[in-house]
Amino acid sequence: MSAALAASALLLLAGCAGGTTPDTAPDSGASASAGSAECAYPASGQPAVDVTPPAAGTDRPSGDVEAVLKTSAGDIPITLTGERTPCTVESFVSLAQQQYFSNTECHRLTTSGIFVLQCGDPTGTGRGGPGYRFADELDGSETYPAGTVAMANAGPGTNGSQFFLVYEDTQLQPDYTVFGRMSPAGLAVVQGIAAAGAEGGSADGRPATPVTITDVVVG
């Protein structure tokens, strides 16, 4: 992957992960090894929708968690890796249970260089988040083949609510927490969305066919 393409990929996946007010990303010390037992969700920016961060001391996921993204294009079943990425899965499940993702549009589709559908921002701008952020759960071995579910971010330790669904094998630096995988049927739904392209034939923009997450069902 060329340096220019790598920089482009990072730009495409960046967003204001914590909230609607831009924040300076903390240094790489905010990253945690995969499966870290320490989870913290400090406040960051204004929430796109009022939600409560996961409470300290609660039981975190210890195994796979099944979920379904109910969308206007069809159901996207995903398996969340609770043992490997407990803090990320805990946040995602908490947001889903609070209806944070309900009736939100997937705001970005990329069709060149990287191949992802990005969702999880109720504002639909790519700048919205839950009003908190949390550390990466990375071990340096992350890859992004088709079917991957991973967190979008604006730099180390800036995870919030935005995530991306990889519909073709994609080369990225291991900077994005991989916290799940789509089922083959779910991957087919996202590939169908991608087949219609982005608005105006752009390589990076809103899906030409609008895609709305109507609900996220966990368990």
Foldseek 3Di string as FASTA:
>chain_A
DDPVLQVVVLVQLAAQAQFLDRDDDDDQVQADAWQDPDKDWDFDYDAPDAFDFDDPPDDWDQAWWWKWQQKPLGIWIKIFGCRGHRRVVSRQVRCQVVVVQAFAWQKKAAAPQFGKTKGFARVSPRHGFGRTWGFAHHDQPDFAAQFWKWFRYNDGGRHGGMIIHGLHGHDHGRRIHTTIGTDPVNSVSSVVQCVQPAPPNDRMTGGPPIMGRRHMGID
